[in-house]
Amino acid sequence: MIEVHYFAAARQAAGVACEQVPATATLGELVRYLGNAHDGATAAGMHFPEVLARCSFLADGVAAHTQDSLAGVARVDVLPPFAGG
């Protein structure tokens, strides 16, 4: 299992702050799984898969990309773009 933590718009659209999901081989597979698992939207009407497409990800605290392996990863953070500095 992988623990997924959502922040800001991703949290709003997912409807949960964090959850345990089945482990996948790559981050891309995890993103597809998550996009199919949630059908929520932000207050502005952006659906969860649209939010995911704009997000960056951390795998155990390290920047990860869709092709990256999740072997041995315990936690993935889903980070939408943040305004400000």
PDB file of N, CA and C in Angstrom:
ATOM      1  N   MET A   1       0.846  -1.187   0.000  1.00  0.00           N
ATOM      2  CA  MET A   1       0.000   0.000   0.000  1.00  0.00           C
ATOM      3  C   MET A   1       0.888   1.246   0.000  1.00  0.00           C
ATOM      4  N   ILE A   2       0.356   2.312  -0.588  1.00  0.00           N
ATOM      5  CA  ILE A   2       1.025   3.608  -0.606  1.00  0.00           C
ATOM      6  C   ILE A   2       0.108   4.622   0.065  1.00  0.00           C
ATOM      7  N   GLU A   3       0.668   5.441   0.926  1.00  0.00           N
ATOM      8  CA  GLU A   3      -0.083   6.508   1.572  1.00  0.00           C
ATOM      9  C   GLU A   3       0.009   7.745   0.685  1.00  0.00           C
ATOM     10  N   VAL A   4      -1.152   8.272   0.271  1.00  0.00           N
ATOM     11  CA  VAL A   4      -1.197   9.439  -0.605  1.00  0.00           C
ATOM     12  C   VAL A   4      -1.741  10.615   0.192  1.00  0.00           C
ATOM     13  N   HIS A   5      -1.013  11.724   0.164  1.00  0.00           N
ATOM     14  CA  HIS A   5      -1.431  12.960   0.837  1.00  0.00           C
ATOM     15  C   HIS A   5      -1.738  14.011  -0.211  1.00  0.00           C
ATOM     16  N   TYR A   6      -2.900  14.638  -0.073  1.00  0.00           N
ATOM     17  CA  TYR A   6      -3.349  15.659  -1.013  1.00  0.00           C
ATOM     18  C   TYR A   6      -3.270  17.036  -0.369  1.00  0.00           C
ATOM     19  N   PHE A   7      -2.928  18.032  -1.160  1.00  0.00           N
ATOM     20  CA  PHE A   7      -2.821  19.398  -0.667  1.00  0.00           C
ATOM     21  C   PHE A   7      -3.664  20.337  -1.520  1.00  0.00           C
ATOM     22  N   ALA A   8      -4.182  21.393  -0.888  1.00  0.00           N
ATOM     23  CA  ALA A   8      -4.903  22.488  -1.539  1.00  0.00           C
ATOM     24  C   ALA A   8      -5.999  21.961  -2.474  1.00  0.00           C
ATOM     25  N   ALA A   9      -5.983  22.358  -3.749  1.00  0.00           N
ATOM     26  CA  ALA A   9      -7.032  21.985  -4.699  1.00  0.00           C
ATOM     27  C   ALA A   9      -7.133  20.473  -4.876  1.00  0.00           C
ATOM     28  N   ALA A  10      -6.023  19.773  -4.787  1.00  0.00           N
ATOM     29  CA  ALA A  10      -6.061  18.312  -4.909  1.00  0.00           C
ATOM     30  C   ALA A  10      -6.847  17.711  -3.749  1.00  0.00           C
ATOM     31  N   ARG A  11      -6.662  18.252  -2.569  1.00  0.00           N
ATOM     32  CA  ARG A  11      -7.416  17.781  -1.390  1.00  0.00           C
ATOM     33  C   ARG A  11      -8.902  18.054  -1.572  1.00  0.00           C
ATOM     34  N   GLN A  12      -9.217  19.239  -2.050  1.00  0.00           N
ATOM     35  CA  GLN A  12     -10.621  19.610  -2.236  1.00  0.00           C
ATOM     36  C   GLN A  12     -11.292  18.693  -3.265  1.00  0.00           C
ATOM     37  N   ALA A  13     -10.637  18.471  -4.387  1.00  0.00           N
ATOM     38  CA  ALA A  13     -11.233  17.655  -5.443  1.00  0.00           C
ATOM     39  C   ALA A  13     -11.279  16.172  -5.075  1.00  0.00           C
ATOM     40  N   ALA A  14     -10.286  15.689  -4.338  1.00  0.00           N
ATOM     41  CA  ALA A  14     -10.277  14.284  -3.921  1.00  0.00           C
ATOM     42  C   ALA A  14     -11.312  14.028  -2.829  1.00  0.00           C
ATOM     43  N   GLY A  15     -11.583  15.050  -2.031  1.00  0.00           N
ATOM     44  CA  GLY A  15     -12.537  14.897  -0.946  1.00  0.00           C
ATOM     45  C   GLY A  15     -11.948  14.281   0.309  1.00  0.00           C
ATOM     46  N   VAL A  16     -10.642  14.045   0.305  1.00  0.00           N
ATOM     47  CA  VAL A  16      -9.950  13.497   1.475  1.00  0.00           C
ATOM     48  C   VAL A  16      -8.569  14.138   1.571  1.00  0.00           C
ATOM     49  N   ALA A  17      -8.023  14.181   2.771  1.00  0.00           N
ATOM     50  CA  ALA A  17      -6.677  14.732   2.972  1.00  0.00           C
ATOM     51  C   ALA A  17      -5.596  13.690   2.677  1.00  0.00           C
ATOM     52  N   CYS A  18      -5.889  12.437   3.004  1.00  0.00           N
ATOM     53  CA  CYS A  18      -4.936  11.363   2.722  1.00  0.00           C
ATOM     54  C   CYS A  18      -5.681  10.041   2.681  1.00  0.00           C
ATOM     55  N   GLU A  19      -5.029   9.069   2.070  1.00  0.00           N
ATOM     56  CA  GLU A  19      -5.633   7.742   1.968  1.00  0.00           C
ATOM     57  C   GLU A  19      -4.559   6.714   1.658  1.00  0.00           C
ATOM     58  N   GLN A  20      -4.877   5.473   1.918  1.00  0.00           N
ATOM     59  CA  GLN A  20      -4.024   4.340   1.568  1.00  0.00           C
ATOM     60  C   GLN A  20      -4.575   3.751   0.274  1.00  0.00           C
ATOM     61  N   VAL A  21      -3.708   3.546  -0.707  1.00  0.00           N
ATOM     62  CA  VAL A  21      -4.137   2.971  -1.980  1.00  0.00           C
ATOM     63  C   VAL A  21      -3.208   1.813  -2.330  1.00  0.00           C
ATOM     64  N   PRO A  22      -3.662   0.920  -3.216  1.00  0.00           N
ATOM     65  CA  PRO A  22      -2.788  -0.190  -3.624  1.00  0.00           C
ATOM     66  C   PRO A  22      -1.524   0.332  -4.304  1.00  0.00           C
ATOM     67  N   ALA A  23      -0.419  -0.320  -4.039  1.00  0.00           N
ATOM     68  CA  ALA A  23       0.847   0.061  -4.665  1.00  0.00           C
ATOM     69  C   ALA A  23       0.772  -0.173  -6.171  1.00  0.00           C
ATOM     70  N   THR A  24       1.406   0.710  -6.924  1.00  0.00           N
ATOM     71  CA  THR A  24       1.516   0.566  -8.376  1.00  0.00           C
ATOM     72  C   THR A  24       2.997   0.599  -8.733  1.00  0.00           C
ATOM     73  N   ALA A  25       3.308   0.175  -9.946  1.00  0.00           N
ATOM     74  CA  ALA A  25       4.708   0.108 -10.367  1.00  0.00           C
ATOM     75  C   ALA A  25       5.316   1.484 -10.602  1.00  0.00           C
ATOM     76  N   THR A  26       4.532   2.410 -11.184  1.00  0.00           N
ATOM     77  CA  THR A  26       5.062   3.733 -11.504  1.00  0.00           C
ATOM     78  C   THR A  26       4.125   4.820 -10.996  1.00  0.00           C
ATOM     79  N   LEU A  27       4.643   6.029 -10.943  1.00  0.00           N
ATOM     80  CA  LEU A  27       3.811   7.164 -10.550  1.00  0.00           C
ATOM     81  C   LEU A  27       2.694   7.372 -11.563  1.00  0.00           C
ATOM     82  N   GLY A  28       2.964   7.193 -12.839  1.00  0.00           N
ATOM     83  CA  GLY A  28       1.928   7.348 -13.861  1.00  0.00           C
ATOM     84  C   GLY A  28       0.755   6.410 -13.629  1.00  0.00           C
ATOM     85  N   GLU A  29       1.045   5.168 -13.266  1.00  0.00           N
ATOM     86  CA  GLU A  29      -0.021   4.211 -12.959  1.00  0.00           C
ATOM     87  C   GLU A  29      -0.812   4.660 -11.737  1.00  0.00           C
ATOM     88  N   LEU A  30      -0.117   5.188 -10.733  1.00  0.00           N
ATOM     89  CA  LEU A  30      -0.797   5.682  -9.540  1.00  0.00           C
ATOM     90  C   LEU A  30      -1.706   6.853  -9.885  1.00  0.00           C
ATOM     91  N   VAL A  31      -1.226   7.785 -10.690  1.00  0.00           N
ATOM     92  CA  VAL A  31      -2.028   8.952 -11.081  1.00  0.00           C
ATOM     93  C   VAL A  31      -3.290   8.499 -11.826  1.00  0.00           C
ATOM     94  N   ARG A  32      -3.159   7.534 -12.728  1.00  0.00           N
ATOM     95  CA  ARG A  32      -4.337   7.017 -13.443  1.00  0.00           C
ATOM     96  C   ARG A  32      -5.314   6.370 -12.462  1.00  0.00           C
ATOM     97  N   TYR A  33      -4.782   5.587 -11.533  1.00  0.00           N
ATOM     98  CA  TYR A  33      -5.636   4.950 -10.525  1.00  0.00           C
ATOM     99  C   TYR A  33      -6.399   6.006  -9.726  1.00  0.00           C
ATOM    100  N   LEU A  34      -5.687   7.009  -9.254  1.00  0.00           N
ATOM    101  CA  LEU A  34      -6.328   8.056  -8.446  1.00  0.00           C
ATOM    102  C   LEU A  34      -7.380   8.809  -9.241  1.00  0.00           C
ATOM    103  N   GLY A  35      -7.066   9.117 -10.499  1.00  0.00           N
ATOM    104  CA  GLY A  35      -8.017   9.837 -11.349  1.00  0.00           C
ATOM    105  C   GLY A  35      -9.320   9.076 -11.542  1.00  0.00           C
ATOM    106  N   ASN A  36      -9.223   7.751 -11.571  1.00  0.00           N
ATOM    107  CA  ASN A  36     -10.421   6.915 -11.710  1.00  0.00           C
ATOM    108  C   ASN A  36     -11.128   6.691 -10.380  1.00  0.00           C
ATOM    109  N   ALA A  37     -10.419   6.851  -9.282  1.00  0.00           N
ATOM    110  CA  ALA A  37     -10.978   6.549  -7.963  1.00  0.00           C
ATOM    111  C   ALA A  37     -11.805   7.696  -7.379  1.00  0.00           C
ATOM    112  N   HIS A  38     -11.600   8.911  -7.888  1.00  0.00           N
ATOM    113  CA  HIS A  38     -12.284  10.087  -7.335  1.00  0.00           C
ATOM    114  C   HIS A  38     -12.999  10.842  -8.438  1.00  0.00           C
ATOM    115  N   ASP A  39     -14.209  11.283  -8.160  1.00  0.00           N
ATOM    116  CA  ASP A  39     -14.965  12.036  -9.165  1.00  0.00           C
ATOM    117  C   ASP A  39     -15.350  13.429  -8.680  1.00  0.00           C
ATOM    118  N   GLY A  40     -14.646  13.926  -7.668  1.00  0.00           N
ATOM    119  CA  GLY A  40     -14.937  15.241  -7.120  1.00  0.00           C
ATOM    120  C   GLY A  40     -14.368  16.364  -7.967  1.00  0.00           C
ATOM    121  N   ALA A  41     -14.659  17.586  -7.533  1.00  0.00           N
ATOM    122  CA  ALA A  41     -14.178  18.776  -8.240  1.00  0.00           C
ATOM    123  C   ALA A  41     -13.884  19.871  -7.225  1.00  0.00           C
ATOM    124  N   THR A  42     -13.141  20.865  -7.659  1.00  0.00           N
ATOM    125  CA  THR A  42     -12.866  22.028  -6.815  1.00  0.00           C
ATOM    126  C   THR A  42     -14.083  22.950  -6.825  1.00  0.00           C
ATOM    127  N   ALA A  43     -14.069  23.952  -5.972  1.00  0.00           N
ATOM    128  CA  ALA A  43     -15.155  24.932  -5.946  1.00  0.00           C
ATOM    129  C   ALA A  43     -15.265  25.663  -7.283  1.00  0.00           C
ATOM    130  N   ALA A  44     -14.163  25.772  -8.004  1.00  0.00           N
ATOM    131  CA  ALA A  44     -14.153  26.426  -9.312  1.00  0.00           C
ATOM    132  C   ALA A  44     -14.615  25.494 -10.431  1.00  0.00           C
ATOM    133  N   GLY A  45     -14.903  24.230 -10.104  1.00  0.00           N
ATOM    134  CA  GLY A  45     -15.419  23.289 -11.083  1.00  0.00           C
ATOM    135  C   GLY A  45     -14.382  22.451 -11.797  1.00  0.00           C
ATOM    136  N   MET A  46     -13.119  22.478 -11.343  1.00  0.00           N
ATOM    137  CA  MET A  46     -12.075  21.656 -11.968  1.00  0.00           C
ATOM    138  C   MET A  46     -12.165  20.246 -11.385  1.00  0.00           C
ATOM    139  N   HIS A  47     -12.364  19.270 -12.265  1.00  0.00           N
ATOM    140  CA  HIS A  47     -12.502  17.887 -11.831  1.00  0.00           C
ATOM    141  C   HIS A  47     -11.141  17.311 -11.427  1.00  0.00           C
ATOM    142  N   PHE A  48     -11.193  16.305 -10.557  1.00  0.00           N
ATOM    143  CA  PHE A  48      -9.981  15.756  -9.972  1.00  0.00           C
ATOM    144  C   PHE A  48      -8.922  15.357 -11.004  1.00  0.00           C
ATOM    145  N   PRO A  49      -9.265  14.642 -12.090  1.00  0.00           N
ATOM    146  CA  PRO A  49      -8.224  14.308 -13.075  1.00  0.00           C
ATOM    147  C   PRO A  49      -7.566  15.555 -13.684  1.00  0.00           C
ATOM    148  N   GLU A  50      -8.322  16.628 -13.860  1.00  0.00           N
ATOM    149  CA  GLU A  50      -7.751  17.884 -14.362  1.00  0.00           C
ATOM    150  C   GLU A  50      -6.772  18.474 -13.356  1.00  0.00           C
ATOM    151  N   VAL A  51      -7.108  18.386 -12.083  1.00  0.00           N
ATOM    152  CA  VAL A  51      -6.208  18.869 -11.036  1.00  0.00           C
ATOM    153  C   VAL A  51      -4.920  18.042 -11.059  1.00  0.00           C
ATOM    154  N   LEU A  52      -5.062  16.724 -11.127  1.00  0.00           N
ATOM    155  CA  LEU A  52      -3.884  15.850 -11.148  1.00  0.00           C
ATOM    156  C   LEU A  52      -2.941  16.191 -12.301  1.00  0.00           C
ATOM    157  N   ALA A  53      -3.507  16.556 -13.448  1.00  0.00           N
ATOM    158  CA  ALA A  53      -2.688  16.874 -14.618  1.00  0.00           C
ATOM    159  C   ALA A  53      -1.794  18.090 -14.397  1.00  0.00           C
ATOM    160  N   ARG A  54      -2.162  18.937 -13.432  1.00  0.00           N
ATOM    161  CA  ARG A  54      -1.395  20.151 -13.144  1.00  0.00           C
ATOM    162  C   ARG A  54      -0.480  20.002 -11.923  1.00  0.00           C
ATOM    163  N   CYS A  55      -0.555  18.876 -11.268  1.00  0.00           N
ATOM    164  CA  CYS A  55       0.159  18.680 -10.005  1.00  0.00           C
ATOM    165  C   CYS A  55       1.612  18.251 -10.215  1.00  0.00           C
ATOM    166  N   SER A  56       2.390  18.498  -9.169  1.00  0.00           N
ATOM    167  CA  SER A  56       3.699  17.875  -9.052  1.00  0.00           C
ATOM    168  C   SER A  56       3.599  16.871  -7.905  1.00  0.00           C
ATOM    169  N   PHE A  57       4.576  15.969  -7.843  1.00  0.00           N
ATOM    170  CA  PHE A  57       4.491  14.861  -6.900  1.00  0.00           C
ATOM    171  C   PHE A  57       5.823  14.659  -6.186  1.00  0.00           C
ATOM    172  N   LEU A  58       5.718  14.277  -4.930  1.00  0.00           N
ATOM    173  CA  LEU A  58       6.880  13.875  -4.151  1.00  0.00           C
ATOM    174  C   LEU A  58       6.689  12.416  -3.749  1.00  0.00           C
ATOM    175  N   ALA A  59       7.707  11.610  -3.967  1.00  0.00           N
ATOM    176  CA  ALA A  59       7.690  10.211  -3.546  1.00  0.00           C
ATOM    177  C   ALA A  59       8.697  10.082  -2.410  1.00  0.00           C
ATOM    178  N   ASP A  60       8.181   9.866  -1.207  1.00  0.00           N
ATOM    179  CA  ASP A  60       9.016   9.851  -0.004  1.00  0.00           C
ATOM    180  C   ASP A  60       9.889  11.104   0.069  1.00  0.00           C
ATOM    181  N   GLY A  61       9.304  12.247  -0.278  1.00  0.00           N
ATOM    182  CA  GLY A  61       9.969  13.535  -0.142  1.00  0.00           C
ATOM    183  C   GLY A  61      10.847  13.954  -1.303  1.00  0.00           C
ATOM    184  N   VAL A  62      10.914  13.156  -2.353  1.00  0.00           N
ATOM    185  CA  VAL A  62      11.760  13.444  -3.510  1.00  0.00           C
ATOM    186  C   VAL A  62      10.877  13.682  -4.734  1.00  0.00           C
ATOM    187  N   ALA A  63      11.181  14.731  -5.510  1.00  0.00           N
ATOM    188  CA  ALA A  63      10.403  15.021  -6.713  1.00  0.00           C
ATOM    189  C   ALA A  63      10.320  13.779  -7.595  1.00  0.00           C
ATOM    190  N   ALA A  64       9.114  13.485  -8.085  1.00  0.00           N
ATOM    191  CA  ALA A  64       8.896  12.300  -8.915  1.00  0.00           C
ATOM    192  C   ALA A  64       8.124  12.682 -10.167  1.00  0.00           C
ATOM    193  N   HIS A  65       8.347  11.909 -11.219  1.00  0.00           N
ATOM    194  CA  HIS A  65       7.689  12.110 -12.505  1.00  0.00           C
ATOM    195  C   HIS A  65       6.947  10.836 -12.880  1.00  0.00           C
ATOM    196  N   THR A  66       6.009  10.950 -13.819  1.00  0.00           N
ATOM    197  CA  THR A  66       5.107   9.834 -14.105  1.00  0.00           C
ATOM    198  C   THR A  66       5.820   8.539 -14.474  1.00  0.00           C
ATOM    199  N   GLN A  67       6.971   8.614 -15.096  1.00  0.00           N
ATOM    200  CA  GLN A  67       7.677   7.393 -15.494  1.00  0.00           C
ATOM    201  C   GLN A  67       8.478   6.770 -14.347  1.00  0.00           C
ATOM    202  N   ASP A  68       8.576   7.443 -13.216  1.00  0.00           N
ATOM    203  CA  ASP A  68       9.398   6.962 -12.105  1.00  0.00           C
ATOM    204  C   ASP A  68       8.766   5.764 -11.395  1.00  0.00           C
ATOM    205  N   SER A  69       9.614   4.841 -10.987  1.00  0.00           N
ATOM    206  CA  SER A  69       9.200   3.668 -10.237  1.00  0.00           C
ATOM    207  C   SER A  69       8.775   4.067  -8.822  1.00  0.00           C
ATOM    208  N   LEU A  70       7.784   3.369  -8.307  1.00  0.00           N
ATOM    209  CA  LEU A  70       7.374   3.563  -6.918  1.00  0.00           C
ATOM    210  C   LEU A  70       7.782   2.381  -6.042  1.00  0.00           C
ATOM    211  N   ALA A  71       8.680   1.565  -6.521  1.00  0.00           N
ATOM    212  CA  ALA A  71       9.155   0.420  -5.740  1.00  0.00           C
ATOM    213  C   ALA A  71       9.738   0.910  -4.418  1.00  0.00           C
ATOM    214  N   GLY A  72       9.218   0.401  -3.324  1.00  0.00           N
ATOM    215  CA  GLY A  72       9.710   0.758  -2.002  1.00  0.00           C
ATOM    216  C   GLY A  72       9.205   2.084  -1.464  1.00  0.00           C
ATOM    217  N   VAL A  73       8.388   2.793  -2.222  1.00  0.00           N
ATOM    218  CA  VAL A  73       7.867   4.103  -1.784  1.00  0.00           C
ATOM    219  C   VAL A  73       6.704   3.891  -0.827  1.00  0.00           C
ATOM    220  N   ALA A  74       6.733   4.620   0.287  1.00  0.00           N
ATOM    221  CA  ALA A  74       5.678   4.516   1.286  1.00  0.00           C
ATOM    222  C   ALA A  74       4.664   5.656   1.184  1.00  0.00           C
ATOM    223  N   ARG A  75       5.116   6.846   0.704  1.00  0.00           N
ATOM    224  CA  ARG A  75       4.237   8.020   0.704  1.00  0.00           C
ATOM    225  C   ARG A  75       4.427   8.827  -0.574  1.00  0.00           C
ATOM    226  N   VAL A  76       3.297   9.256  -1.143  1.00  0.00           N
ATOM    227  CA  VAL A  76       3.305  10.169  -2.288  1.00  0.00           C
ATOM    228  C   VAL A  76       2.499  11.398  -1.903  1.00  0.00           C
ATOM    229  N   ASP A  77       3.100  12.578  -2.095  1.00  0.00           N
ATOM    230  CA  ASP A  77       2.406  13.843  -1.871  1.00  0.00           C
ATOM    231  C   ASP A  77       1.965  14.403  -3.206  1.00  0.00           C
ATOM    232  N   VAL A  78       0.710  14.869  -3.280  1.00  0.00           N
ATOM    233  CA  VAL A  78       0.134  15.435  -4.499  1.00  0.00           C
ATOM    234  C   VAL A  78       0.031  16.943  -4.285  1.00  0.00           C
ATOM    235  N   LEU A  79       0.823  17.698  -5.057  1.00  0.00           N
ATOM    236  CA  LEU A  79       0.971  19.133  -4.839  1.00  0.00           C
ATOM    237  C   LEU A  79       0.516  19.928  -6.065  1.00  0.00           C
ATOM    238  N   PRO A  80      -0.644  20.575  -5.987  1.00  0.00           N
ATOM    239  CA  PRO A  80      -1.058  21.432  -7.095  1.00  0.00           C
ATOM    240  C   PRO A  80      -0.205  22.694  -7.113  1.00  0.00           C
ATOM    241  N   PRO A  81      -0.218  23.427  -8.221  1.00  0.00           N
ATOM    242  CA  PRO A  81       0.541  24.682  -8.250  1.00  0.00           C
ATOM    243  C   PRO A  81       0.042  25.623  -7.150  1.00  0.00           C
ATOM    244  N   PHE A  82       0.959  26.280  -6.507  1.00  0.00           N
ATOM    245  CA  PHE A  82       0.622  27.219  -5.443  1.00  0.00           C
ATOM    246  C   PHE A  82       0.900  28.633  -5.919  1.00  0.00           C
ATOM    247  N   ALA A  83       0.028  29.548  -5.584  1.00  0.00           N
ATOM    248  CA  ALA A  83       0.266  30.963  -5.894  1.00  0.00           C
ATOM    249  C   ALA A  83       1.100  31.572  -4.769  1.00  0.00           C
ATOM    250  N   GLY A  84       1.778  32.637  -5.078  1.00  0.00           N
ATOM    251  CA  GLY A  84       2.560  33.323  -4.048  1.00  0.00           C
ATOM    252  C   GLY A  84       3.989  32.824  -4.027  1.00  0.00           C
ATOM    253  N   GLY A  85       4.664  33.091  -2.915  1.00  0.00           N
ATOM    254  CA  GLY A  85       6.071  32.727  -2.885  1.00  0.00           C
ATOM    255  C   GLY A  85       6.548  32.172  -1.618  1.00  0.00           C
TER     256      GLY A  85
END
